[in-house]
PDB file of N, CA and C in Angstrom:
ATOM      1  N   UNK A   1      34.680  19.323 -38.005  1.00  0.00           N
ATOM      2  CA  UNK A   1      34.352  18.168 -37.308  1.00  0.00           C
ATOM      3  C   UNK A   1      32.742  18.045 -37.271  1.00  0.00           C
ATOM      4  N   UNK A   2      32.375  16.772 -37.907  1.00  0.00           N
ATOM      5  CA  UNK A   2      30.940  16.329 -38.115  1.00  0.00           C
ATOM      6  C   UNK A   2      30.762  15.412 -36.705  1.00  0.00           C
ATOM      7  N   UNK A   3      29.642  15.656 -36.382  1.00  0.00           N
ATOM      8  CA  UNK A   3      29.079  14.953 -35.235  1.00  0.00           C
ATOM      9  C   UNK A   3      27.578  14.192 -35.465  1.00  0.00           C
ATOM     10  N   UNK A   4      27.488  12.981 -35.343  1.00  0.00           N
ATOM     11  CA  UNK A   4      26.233  12.440 -36.018  1.00  0.00           C
ATOM     12  C   UNK A   4      25.263  12.065 -34.545  1.00  0.00           C
ATOM     13  N   UNK A   5      24.315  12.688 -34.420  1.00  0.00           N
ATOM     14  CA  UNK A   5      23.547  12.183 -33.188  1.00  0.00           C
ATOM     15  C   UNK A   5      22.571  11.066 -33.526  1.00  0.00           C
ATOM     16  N   UNK A   6      22.746  10.080 -32.960  1.00  0.00           N
ATOM     17  CA  UNK A   6      22.046   8.780 -33.624  1.00  0.00           C
ATOM     18  C   UNK A   6      20.597   8.742 -33.272  1.00  0.00           C
ATOM     19  N   UNK A   7      19.969   9.611 -32.108  1.00  0.00           N
ATOM     20  CA  UNK A   7      19.018   9.437 -31.686  1.00  0.00           C
ATOM     21  C   UNK A   7      17.935  10.619 -32.917  1.00  0.00           C
ATOM     22  N   UNK A   8      18.364  11.576 -33.294  1.00  0.00           N
ATOM     23  CA  UNK A   8      17.908  12.165 -34.348  1.00  0.00           C
ATOM     24  C   UNK A   8      18.058  11.882 -35.834  1.00  0.00           C
ATOM     25  N   UNK A   9      19.412  11.520 -35.898  1.00  0.00           N
ATOM     26  CA  UNK A   9      19.589  10.861 -37.252  1.00  0.00           C
ATOM     27  C   UNK A   9      20.342  12.222 -37.996  1.00  0.00           C
ATOM     28  N   UNK A  10      20.589  13.096 -37.657  1.00  0.00           N
ATOM     29  CA  UNK A  10      21.151  14.276 -38.374  1.00  0.00           C
ATOM     30  C   UNK A  10      22.564  14.668 -38.002  1.00  0.00           C
ATOM     31  N   UNK A  11      23.459  15.374 -39.157  1.00  0.00           N
ATOM     32  CA  UNK A  11      24.838  15.299 -38.965  1.00  0.00           C
ATOM     33  C   UNK A  11      24.890  16.879 -38.621  1.00  0.00           C
ATOM     34  N   UNK A  12      25.723  17.286 -37.614  1.00  0.00           N
ATOM     35  CA  UNK A  12      26.044  18.648 -37.417  1.00  0.00           C
ATOM     36  C   UNK A  12      27.548  19.046 -37.520  1.00  0.00           C
ATOM     37  N   UNK A  13      27.639  20.085 -38.297  1.00  0.00           N
ATOM     38  CA  UNK A  13      28.986  20.666 -38.673  1.00  0.00           C
ATOM     39  C   UNK A  13      29.425  21.519 -37.802  1.00  0.00           C
ATOM     40  N   UNK A  14      30.191  21.338 -36.573  1.00  0.00           N
ATOM     41  CA  UNK A  14      30.515  22.512 -35.613  1.00  0.00           C
ATOM     42  C   UNK A  14      31.407  23.344 -35.956  1.00  0.00           C
ATOM     43  N   UNK A  15      32.162  23.241 -37.162  1.00  0.00           N
ATOM     44  CA  UNK A  15      33.061  24.445 -37.404  1.00  0.00           C
ATOM     45  C   UNK A  15      32.384  25.312 -38.141  1.00  0.00           C
ATOM     46  N   UNK A  16      31.284  25.182 -38.644  1.00  0.00           N
ATOM     47  CA  UNK A  16      30.601  26.056 -39.496  1.00  0.00           C
ATOM     48  C   UNK A  16      29.345  26.597 -38.624  1.00  0.00           C
ATOM     49  N   UNK A  17      29.727  27.664 -37.587  1.00  0.00           N
ATOM     50  CA  UNK A  17      28.588  28.179 -36.705  1.00  0.00           C
ATOM     51  C   UNK A  17      27.201  28.657 -37.645  1.00  0.00           C
ATOM     52  N   UNK A  18      27.285  28.951 -38.776  1.00  0.00           N
ATOM     53  CA  UNK A  18      26.075  29.233 -39.501  1.00  0.00           C
ATOM     54  C   UNK A  18      25.021  28.099 -39.449  1.00  0.00           C
ATOM     55  N   UNK A  19      25.752  26.832 -39.814  1.00  0.00           N
ATOM     56  CA  UNK A  19      24.634  25.761 -39.875  1.00  0.00           C
ATOM     57  C   UNK A  19      24.199  25.280 -38.568  1.00  0.00           C
ATOM     58  N   UNK A  20      25.012  25.243 -37.686  1.00  0.00           N
ATOM     59  CA  UNK A  20      24.576  24.976 -36.192  1.00  0.00           C
ATOM     60  C   UNK A  20      23.363  25.912 -35.614  1.00  0.00           C
ATOM     61  N   UNK A  21      23.679  27.097 -36.040  1.00  0.00           N
ATOM     62  CA  UNK A  21      22.468  28.141 -35.818  1.00  0.00           C
ATOM     63  C   UNK A  21      21.189  27.679 -36.653  1.00  0.00           C
ATOM     64  N   UNK A  22      21.290  27.273 -37.701  1.00  0.00           N
ATOM     65  CA  UNK A  22      19.904  27.088 -38.557  1.00  0.00           C
ATOM     66  C   UNK A  22      19.458  25.826 -38.046  1.00  0.00           C
ATOM     67  N   UNK A  23      20.223  24.677 -37.484  1.00  0.00           N
ATOM     68  CA  UNK A  23      19.593  23.672 -36.988  1.00  0.00           C
ATOM     69  C   UNK A  23      18.839  24.077 -35.659  1.00  0.00           C
ATOM     70  N   UNK A  24      19.575  24.774 -34.933  1.00  0.00           N
ATOM     71  CA  UNK A  24      18.824  25.277 -33.615  1.00  0.00           C
ATOM     72  C   UNK A  24      17.637  25.951 -33.900  1.00  0.00           C
ATOM     73  N   UNK A  25      17.507  26.744 -35.012  1.00  0.00           N
ATOM     74  CA  UNK A  25      16.341  27.449 -35.322  1.00  0.00           C
ATOM     75  C   UNK A  25      15.176  26.692 -35.533  1.00  0.00           C
ATOM     76  N   UNK A  26      15.917  25.416 -36.244  1.00  0.00           N
ATOM     77  CA  UNK A  26      14.621  24.340 -36.846  1.00  0.00           C
ATOM     78  C   UNK A  26      14.197  23.662 -35.648  1.00  0.00           C
ATOM     79  N   UNK A  27      14.802  23.381 -34.815  1.00  0.00           N
ATOM     80  CA  UNK A  27      14.396  22.685 -33.478  1.00  0.00           C
ATOM     81  C   UNK A  27      13.460  23.570 -32.736  1.00  0.00           C
ATOM     82  N   UNK A  28      13.786  24.839 -32.469  1.00  0.00           N
ATOM     83  CA  UNK A  28      13.011  25.718 -31.840  1.00  0.00           C
ATOM     84  C   UNK A  28      11.696  25.643 -32.533  1.00  0.00           C
ATOM     85  N   UNK A  29      11.591  25.845 -33.690  1.00  0.00           N
ATOM     86  CA  UNK A  29      10.571  25.996 -34.639  1.00  0.00           C
ATOM     87  C   UNK A  29       9.554  24.485 -34.324  1.00  0.00           C
ATOM     88  N   UNK A  30      10.271  23.511 -34.327  1.00  0.00           N
ATOM     89  CA  UNK A  30       9.462  22.092 -34.138  1.00  0.00           C
ATOM     90  C   UNK A  30       9.000  22.341 -32.753  1.00  0.00           C
ATOM     91  N   UNK A  31       9.799  22.729 -31.877  1.00  0.00           N
ATOM     92  CA  UNK A  31       9.226  22.728 -30.420  1.00  0.00           C
ATOM     93  C   UNK A  31       8.096  23.618 -30.163  1.00  0.00           C
ATOM     94  N   UNK A  32       8.105  24.846 -30.843  1.00  0.00           N
ATOM     95  CA  UNK A  32       6.905  25.741 -30.826  1.00  0.00           C
ATOM     96  C   UNK A  32       5.681  25.208 -31.362  1.00  0.00           C
ATOM     97  N   UNK A  33       5.828  24.335 -32.690  1.00  0.00           N
ATOM     98  CA  UNK A  33       4.516  23.651 -33.046  1.00  0.00           C
ATOM     99  C   UNK A  33       4.136  22.609 -32.184  1.00  0.00           C
ATOM    100  N   UNK A  34       5.121  21.875 -31.327  1.00  0.00           N
ATOM    101  CA  UNK A  34       4.363  20.964 -30.468  1.00  0.00           C
ATOM    102  C   UNK A  34       3.582  21.539 -29.167  1.00  0.00           C
ATOM    103  N   UNK A  35       4.317  22.650 -28.904  1.00  0.00           N
ATOM    104  CA  UNK A  35       3.563  23.284 -27.760  1.00  0.00           C
ATOM    105  C   UNK A  35       2.313  23.695 -28.142  1.00  0.00           C
ATOM    106  N   UNK A  36       1.982  24.004 -29.520  1.00  0.00           N
ATOM    107  CA  UNK A  36       0.607  24.823 -29.932  1.00  0.00           C
ATOM    108  C   UNK A  36      -0.164  23.319 -30.083  1.00  0.00           C
ATOM    109  N   UNK A  37       0.245  22.522 -30.471  1.00  0.00           N
ATOM    110  CA  UNK A  37      -0.583  21.205 -30.454  1.00  0.00           C
ATOM    111  C   UNK A  37      -0.789  20.633 -29.172  1.00  0.00           C
ATOM    112  N   UNK A  38      -0.145  20.833 -28.168  1.00  0.00           N
ATOM    113  CA  UNK A  38      -0.451  20.291 -26.996  1.00  0.00           C
ATOM    114  C   UNK A  38      -1.699  21.208 -25.960  1.00  0.00           C
ATOM    115  N   UNK A  39      -1.493  22.452 -26.547  1.00  0.00           N
ATOM    116  CA  UNK A  39      -2.501  23.250 -26.013  1.00  0.00           C
ATOM    117  C   UNK A  39      -3.689  22.944 -26.781  1.00  0.00           C
ATOM    118  N   UNK A  40      -3.600  22.784 -27.840  1.00  0.00           N
ATOM    119  CA  UNK A  40      -5.042  22.253 -28.396  1.00  0.00           C
ATOM    120  C   UNK A  40      -5.643  20.866 -27.974  1.00  0.00           C
ATOM    121  N   UNK A  41      -4.933  20.072 -27.209  1.00  0.00           N
ATOM    122  CA  UNK A  41      -5.293  18.848 -26.692  1.00  0.00           C
ATOM    123  C   UNK A  41      -5.736  18.755 -25.208  1.00  0.00           C
ATOM    124  N   UNK A  42      -5.425  19.830 -24.605  1.00  0.00           N
ATOM    125  CA  UNK A  42      -5.462  19.795 -23.109  1.00  0.00           C
ATOM    126  C   UNK A  42      -7.037  19.691 -22.855  1.00  0.00           C
ATOM    127  N   UNK A  43      -7.917  20.107 -23.464  1.00  0.00           N
ATOM    128  CA  UNK A  43      -9.151  19.621 -22.753  1.00  0.00           C
ATOM    129  C   UNK A  43      -9.540  18.484 -23.377  1.00  0.00           C
ATOM    130  N   UNK A  44      -9.092  17.748 -24.193  1.00  0.00           N
ATOM    131  CA  UNK A  44      -9.590  16.576 -24.583  1.00  0.00           C
ATOM    132  C   UNK A  44      -8.553  15.320 -24.141  1.00  0.00           C
ATOM    133  N   UNK A  45      -7.754  15.473 -23.202  1.00  0.00           N
ATOM    134  CA  UNK A  45      -6.863  14.538 -22.647  1.00  0.00           C
ATOM    135  C   UNK A  45      -7.374  13.972 -21.488  1.00  0.00           C
ATOM    136  N   UNK A  46      -7.404  12.545 -21.444  1.00  0.00           N
ATOM    137  CA  UNK A  46      -7.700  11.898 -20.289  1.00  0.00           C
ATOM    138  C   UNK A  46      -6.760  11.092 -19.651  1.00  0.00           C
ATOM    139  N   UNK A  47      -6.661  10.764 -18.576  1.00  0.00           N
ATOM    140  CA  UNK A  47      -5.565   9.754 -17.851  1.00  0.00           C
ATOM    141  C   UNK A  47      -6.358   8.878 -16.951  1.00  0.00           C
ATOM    142  N   UNK A  48      -6.075   7.684 -17.369  1.00  0.00           N
ATOM    143  CA  UNK A  48      -6.559   6.541 -16.615  1.00  0.00           C
ATOM    144  C   UNK A  48      -5.374   6.206 -15.540  1.00  0.00           C
ATOM    145  N   UNK A  49      -5.925   6.325 -14.216  1.00  0.00           N
ATOM    146  CA  UNK A  49      -4.738   5.758 -13.217  1.00  0.00           C
ATOM    147  C   UNK A  49      -5.063   4.488 -12.660  1.00  0.00           C
ATOM    148  N   UNK A  50      -3.938   3.470 -12.746  1.00  0.00           N
ATOM    149  CA  UNK A  50      -4.122   2.381 -12.473  1.00  0.00           C
ATOM    150  C   UNK A  50      -4.541   2.080 -10.704  1.00  0.00           C
ATOM    151  N   UNK A  51      -5.119   0.695 -10.696  1.00  0.00           N
ATOM    152  CA  UNK A  51      -5.292   0.705  -8.991  1.00  0.00           C
ATOM    153  C   UNK A  51      -4.134   0.735  -8.247  1.00  0.00           C
ATOM    154  N   UNK A  52      -2.849   0.299  -8.830  1.00  0.00           N
ATOM    155  CA  UNK A  52      -1.721   0.234  -7.877  1.00  0.00           C
ATOM    156  C   UNK A  52      -1.216   1.628  -7.670  1.00  0.00           C
ATOM    157  N   UNK A  53      -1.541   2.529  -8.779  1.00  0.00           N
ATOM    158  CA  UNK A  53      -1.033   3.740  -8.494  1.00  0.00           C
ATOM    159  C   UNK A  53      -2.067   4.490  -7.599  1.00  0.00           C
ATOM    160  N   UNK A  54      -3.347   4.188  -7.645  1.00  0.00           N
ATOM    161  CA  UNK A  54      -4.398   4.960  -6.617  1.00  0.00           C
ATOM    162  C   UNK A  54      -3.708   4.339  -5.307  1.00  0.00           C
ATOM    163  N   UNK A  55      -3.372   2.907  -5.136  1.00  0.00           N
ATOM    164  CA  UNK A  55      -3.174   2.554  -3.848  1.00  0.00           C
ATOM    165  C   UNK A  55      -1.912   3.103  -3.147  1.00  0.00           C
ATOM    166  N   UNK A  56      -0.802   3.295  -4.052  1.00  0.00           N
ATOM    167  CA  UNK A  56       0.379   3.960  -3.674  1.00  0.00           C
ATOM    168  C   UNK A  56       0.134   5.491  -3.228  1.00  0.00           C
ATOM    169  N   UNK A  57      -1.013   6.139  -3.898  1.00  0.00           N
ATOM    170  CA  UNK A  57      -1.228   7.421  -3.459  1.00  0.00           C
ATOM    171  C   UNK A  57      -1.810   7.531  -2.253  1.00  0.00           C
ATOM    172  N   UNK A  58      -2.769   6.737  -1.697  1.00  0.00           N
ATOM    173  CA  UNK A  58      -3.288   6.410  -0.519  1.00  0.00           C
ATOM    174  C   UNK A  58      -2.285   6.023   0.518  1.00  0.00           C
ATOM    175  N   UNK A  59      -1.444   5.137   0.058  1.00  0.00           N
ATOM    176  CA  UNK A  59      -0.416   4.832   1.316  1.00  0.00           C
ATOM    177  C   UNK A  59       0.470   6.037   1.613  1.00  0.00           C
ATOM    178  N   UNK A  60       0.851   6.735   0.370  1.00  0.00           N
ATOM    179  CA  UNK A  60       1.364   8.129   0.865  1.00  0.00           C
ATOM    180  C   UNK A  60       0.805   8.982   1.656  1.00  0.00           C
ATOM    181  N   UNK A  61      -0.635   9.174   1.577  1.00  0.00           N
ATOM    182  CA  UNK A  61      -1.392  10.068   2.072  1.00  0.00           C
ATOM    183  C   UNK A  61      -1.248   9.720   3.682  1.00  0.00           C
ATOM    184  N   UNK A  62      -1.355   8.366   3.753  1.00  0.00           N
ATOM    185  CA  UNK A  62      -1.470   7.672   5.209  1.00  0.00           C
ATOM    186  C   UNK A  62      -0.216   8.062   5.914  1.00  0.00           C
ATOM    187  N   UNK A  63       0.868   7.906   5.081  1.00  0.00           N
ATOM    188  CA  UNK A  63       2.099   7.839   5.973  1.00  0.00           C
ATOM    189  C   UNK A  63       2.483   9.639   6.129  1.00  0.00           C
ATOM    190  N   UNK A  64       1.857  10.407   5.402  1.00  0.00           N
ATOM    191  CA  UNK A  64       2.221  11.918   5.564  1.00  0.00           C
ATOM    192  C   UNK A  64       1.279  12.346   7.008  1.00  0.00           C
ATOM    193  N   UNK A  65       0.087  11.596   6.929  1.00  0.00           N
ATOM    194  CA  UNK A  65      -0.723  11.876   8.159  1.00  0.00           C
ATOM    195  C   UNK A  65      -0.381  11.196   9.193  1.00  0.00           C
ATOM    196  N   UNK A  66       0.636  10.546   9.158  1.00  0.00           N
ATOM    197  CA  UNK A  66       0.907   9.684  10.512  1.00  0.00           C
ATOM    198  C   UNK A  66       1.717  10.919  11.631  1.00  0.00           C
ATOM    199  N   UNK A  67       1.502  10.461  13.043  1.00  0.00           N
ATOM    200  CA  UNK A  67       1.801  11.617  13.963  1.00  0.00           C
ATOM    201  C   UNK A  67       3.563  11.737  13.593  1.00  0.00           C
ATOM    202  N   UNK A  68       4.146  12.751  14.153  1.00  0.00           N
ATOM    203  CA  UNK A  68       5.586  13.062  14.080  1.00  0.00           C
ATOM    204  C   UNK A  68       6.163  12.138  15.236  1.00  0.00           C
ATOM    205  N   UNK A  69       7.542  12.030  14.969  1.00  0.00           N
ATOM    206  CA  UNK A  69       8.245  11.181  15.965  1.00  0.00           C
ATOM    207  C   UNK A  69       8.283  11.729  17.252  1.00  0.00           C
ATOM    208  N   UNK A  70       8.209  10.879  18.218  1.00  0.00           N
ATOM    209  CA  UNK A  70       8.253  11.409  19.671  1.00  0.00           C
ATOM    210  C   UNK A  70       9.970  11.279  19.953  1.00  0.00           C
ATOM    211  N   UNK A  71      10.784  12.300  19.729  1.00  0.00           N
ATOM    212  CA  UNK A  71      11.982  12.546  19.764  1.00  0.00           C
ATOM    213  C   UNK A  71      12.500  12.045  21.313  1.00  0.00           C
ATOM    214  N   UNK A  72      11.621  12.616  22.445  1.00  0.00           N
ATOM    215  CA  UNK A  72      12.075  12.169  23.788  1.00  0.00           C
ATOM    216  C   UNK A  72      12.180  10.595  23.872  1.00  0.00           C
ATOM    217  N   UNK A  73      11.035   9.918  23.096  1.00  0.00           N
ATOM    218  CA  UNK A  73      11.118   8.380  23.318  1.00  0.00           C
ATOM    219  C   UNK A  73      12.343   7.753  22.518  1.00  0.00           C
ATOM    220  N   UNK A  74      12.812   8.458  21.290  1.00  0.00           N
ATOM    221  CA  UNK A  74      13.732   7.815  20.688  1.00  0.00           C
ATOM    222  C   UNK A  74      15.090   8.008  21.459  1.00  0.00           C
ATOM    223  N   UNK A  75      15.283   9.309  22.082  1.00  0.00           N
ATOM    224  CA  UNK A  75      16.686   9.563  22.909  1.00  0.00           C
ATOM    225  C   UNK A  75      16.717   8.450  24.228  1.00  0.00           C
ATOM    226  N   UNK A  76      15.334   8.445  24.771  1.00  0.00           N
ATOM    227  CA  UNK A  76      15.377   7.335  25.714  1.00  0.00           C
ATOM    228  C   UNK A  76      15.691   6.062  25.628  1.00  0.00           C
ATOM    229  N   UNK A  77      15.345   5.482  24.235  1.00  0.00           N
ATOM    230  CA  UNK A  77      15.721   4.043  23.937  1.00  0.00           C
ATOM    231  C   UNK A  77      17.284   4.207  23.182  1.00  0.00           C
ATOM    232  N   UNK A  78      17.475   5.112  22.619  1.00  0.00           N
ATOM    233  CA  UNK A  78      18.758   5.373  22.254  1.00  0.00           C
ATOM    234  C   UNK A  78      19.892   5.132  23.366  1.00  0.00           C
ATOM    235  N   UNK A  79      19.557   6.091  24.187  1.00  0.00           N
ATOM    236  CA  UNK A  79      20.499   5.855  25.560  1.00  0.00           C
ATOM    237  C   UNK A  79      20.454   4.431  26.071  1.00  0.00           C
ATOM    238  N   UNK A  80      19.502   3.885  26.365  1.00  0.00           N
ATOM    239  CA  UNK A  80      19.164   2.527  26.732  1.00  0.00           C
ATOM    240  C   UNK A  80      20.122   1.438  26.167  1.00  0.00           C
ATOM    241  N   UNK A  81      19.957   1.672  24.869  1.00  0.00           N
ATOM    242  CA  UNK A  81      20.827   0.689  23.825  1.00  0.00           C
ATOM    243  C   UNK A  81      22.107   0.860  23.810  1.00  0.00           C
ATOM    244  N   UNK A  82      22.529   2.074  23.781  1.00  0.00           N
ATOM    245  CA  UNK A  82      23.963   2.641  23.918  1.00  0.00           C
ATOM    246  C   UNK A  82      24.612   2.092  25.381  1.00  0.00           C
ATOM    247  N   UNK A  83      23.767   1.955  26.203  1.00  0.00           N
ATOM    248  CA  UNK A  83      24.236   1.533  27.606  1.00  0.00           C
ATOM    249  C   UNK A  83      24.237   0.035  28.021  1.00  0.00           C
ATOM    250  N   UNK A  84      23.528  -0.472  26.802  1.00  0.00           N
ATOM    251  CA  UNK A  84      23.497  -2.157  26.887  1.00  0.00           C
ATOM    252  C   UNK A  84      22.494  -2.638  27.970  1.00  0.00           C
ATOM    253  N   UNK A  85      21.560  -1.707  28.072  1.00  0.00           N
ATOM    254  CA  UNK A  85      20.397  -1.838  29.154  1.00  0.00           C
ATOM    255  C   UNK A  85      19.057  -2.195  28.614  1.00  0.00           C
ATOM    256  N   UNK A  86      19.066  -1.982  27.084  1.00  0.00           N
ATOM    257  CA  UNK A  86      17.778  -2.458  26.433  1.00  0.00           C
ATOM    258  C   UNK A  86      17.913  -3.904  26.135  1.00  0.00           C
ATOM    259  N   UNK A  87      16.781  -4.614  26.546  1.00  0.00           N
ATOM    260  CA  UNK A  87      16.809  -6.093  26.341  1.00  0.00           C
ATOM    261  C   UNK A  87      15.513  -6.234  25.532  1.00  0.00           C
ATOM    262  N   UNK A  88      15.712  -7.335  24.623  1.00  0.00           N
ATOM    263  CA  UNK A  88      14.400  -7.734  23.779  1.00  0.00           C
ATOM    264  C   UNK A  88      14.221  -8.959  23.786  1.00  0.00           C
ATOM    265  N   UNK A  89      12.922  -8.992  24.221  1.00  0.00           N
ATOM    266  CA  UNK A  89      12.460 -10.534  24.407  1.00  0.00           C
ATOM    267  C   UNK A  89      11.893 -11.136  23.226  1.00  0.00           C
ATOM    268  N   UNK A  90      12.670 -11.986  22.446  1.00  0.00           N
ATOM    269  CA  UNK A  90      12.545 -12.388  21.316  1.00  0.00           C
ATOM    270  C   UNK A  90      11.478 -13.246  21.307  1.00  0.00           C
ATOM    271  N   UNK A  91      10.860 -13.881  21.996  1.00  0.00           N
ATOM    272  CA  UNK A  91       9.711 -14.670  22.278  1.00  0.00           C
ATOM    273  C   UNK A  91       8.808 -13.923  22.112  1.00  0.00           C
ATOM    274  N   UNK A  92       8.520 -12.893  22.830  1.00  0.00           N
ATOM    275  CA  UNK A  92       7.555 -12.023  22.754  1.00  0.00           C
ATOM    276  C   UNK A  92       7.350 -11.228  21.440  1.00  0.00           C
ATOM    277  N   UNK A  93       8.391 -10.884  21.085  1.00  0.00           N
ATOM    278  CA  UNK A  93       8.380 -10.283  19.516  1.00  0.00           C
ATOM    279  C   UNK A  93       7.772 -11.232  18.581  1.00  0.00           C
ATOM    280  N   UNK A  94       8.252 -12.554  18.438  1.00  0.00           N
ATOM    281  CA  UNK A  94       8.079 -13.558  17.819  1.00  0.00           C
ATOM    282  C   UNK A  94       6.137 -14.019  17.686  1.00  0.00           C
ATOM    283  N   UNK A  95       5.967 -13.919  19.135  1.00  0.00           N
ATOM    284  CA  UNK A  95       4.357 -14.273  19.435  1.00  0.00           C
ATOM    285  C   UNK A  95       3.518 -13.098  18.788  1.00  0.00           C
ATOM    286  N   UNK A  96       3.977 -11.851  18.813  1.00  0.00           N
ATOM    287  CA  UNK A  96       3.233 -10.599  18.452  1.00  0.00           C
ATOM    288  C   UNK A  96       3.230 -10.651  16.802  1.00  0.00           C
ATOM    289  N   UNK A  97       4.501 -11.032  16.400  1.00  0.00           N
ATOM    290  CA  UNK A  97       4.250 -10.949  15.106  1.00  0.00           C
ATOM    291  C   UNK A  97       3.380 -12.063  14.295  1.00  0.00           C
ATOM    292  N   UNK A  98       3.386 -13.201  14.924  1.00  0.00           N
ATOM    293  CA  UNK A  98       2.271 -14.345  14.389  1.00  0.00           C
ATOM    294  C   UNK A  98       1.017 -13.948  14.557  1.00  0.00           C
ATOM    295  N   UNK A  99       0.876 -13.260  15.893  1.00  0.00           N
ATOM    296  CA  UNK A  99      -0.705 -12.853  16.178  1.00  0.00           C
ATOM    297  C   UNK A  99      -1.197 -11.723  15.184  1.00  0.00           C
ATOM    298  N   UNK A 100      -0.084 -10.647  14.948  1.00  0.00           N
ATOM    299  CA  UNK A 100      -0.722  -9.626  13.867  1.00  0.00           C
ATOM    300  C   UNK A 100      -0.803 -10.436  12.562  1.00  0.00           C
ATOM    301  N   UNK A 101       0.187 -11.448  12.136  1.00  0.00           N
ATOM    302  CA  UNK A 101      -0.405 -12.059  10.731  1.00  0.00           C
ATOM    303  C   UNK A 101      -1.631 -12.799  10.929  1.00  0.00           C
ATOM    304  N   UNK A 102      -1.723 -13.466  11.899  1.00  0.00           N
ATOM    305  CA  UNK A 102      -3.194 -14.238  12.203  1.00  0.00           C
ATOM    306  C   UNK A 102      -4.281 -13.175  11.820  1.00  0.00           C
ATOM    307  N   UNK A 103      -4.226 -12.096  12.424  1.00  0.00           N
ATOM    308  CA  UNK A 103      -5.396 -11.044  12.537  1.00  0.00           C
ATOM    309  C   UNK A 103      -5.573 -10.383  11.306  1.00  0.00           C
ATOM    310  N   UNK A 104      -4.749 -10.235  10.193  1.00  0.00           N
ATOM    311  CA  UNK A 104      -4.834  -9.854   9.050  1.00  0.00           C
ATOM    312  C   UNK A 104      -5.147 -10.651   8.039  1.00  0.00           C
ATOM    313  N   UNK A 105      -5.160 -11.926   8.433  1.00  0.00           N
ATOM    314  CA  UNK A 105      -5.415 -13.157   7.513  1.00  0.00           C
ATOM    315  C   UNK A 105      -7.052 -13.103   7.475  1.00  0.00           C
ATOM    316  N   UNK A 106      -7.758 -12.884   8.816  1.00  0.00           N
ATOM    317  CA  UNK A 106      -9.256 -12.969   8.686  1.00  0.00           C
ATOM    318  C   UNK A 106      -9.835 -11.817   8.105  1.00  0.00           C
TER     319      UNK A 106
END
């Protein structure tokens, strides 16, 4: 049975174990050569990080530095919501959102 792997473009004969081993040995040799080439380039390689990636890193650091969740407060509000006693003042929330938006524009 012959199988053609389109990415590499080589044909493998799976019924003949000797050929499959030979192909495997050739791949291992190529991988070894690539590793040797990479080891030679390690000192000369430079990476430029985009401003977006730098910003993402900064955001991640800020998120990880945030204080832990106050589980007592979460439990309190969860019980109020479950009991139907937590009421949200939609006007106050909307006013606060507008105020925060205006503050960030300045």
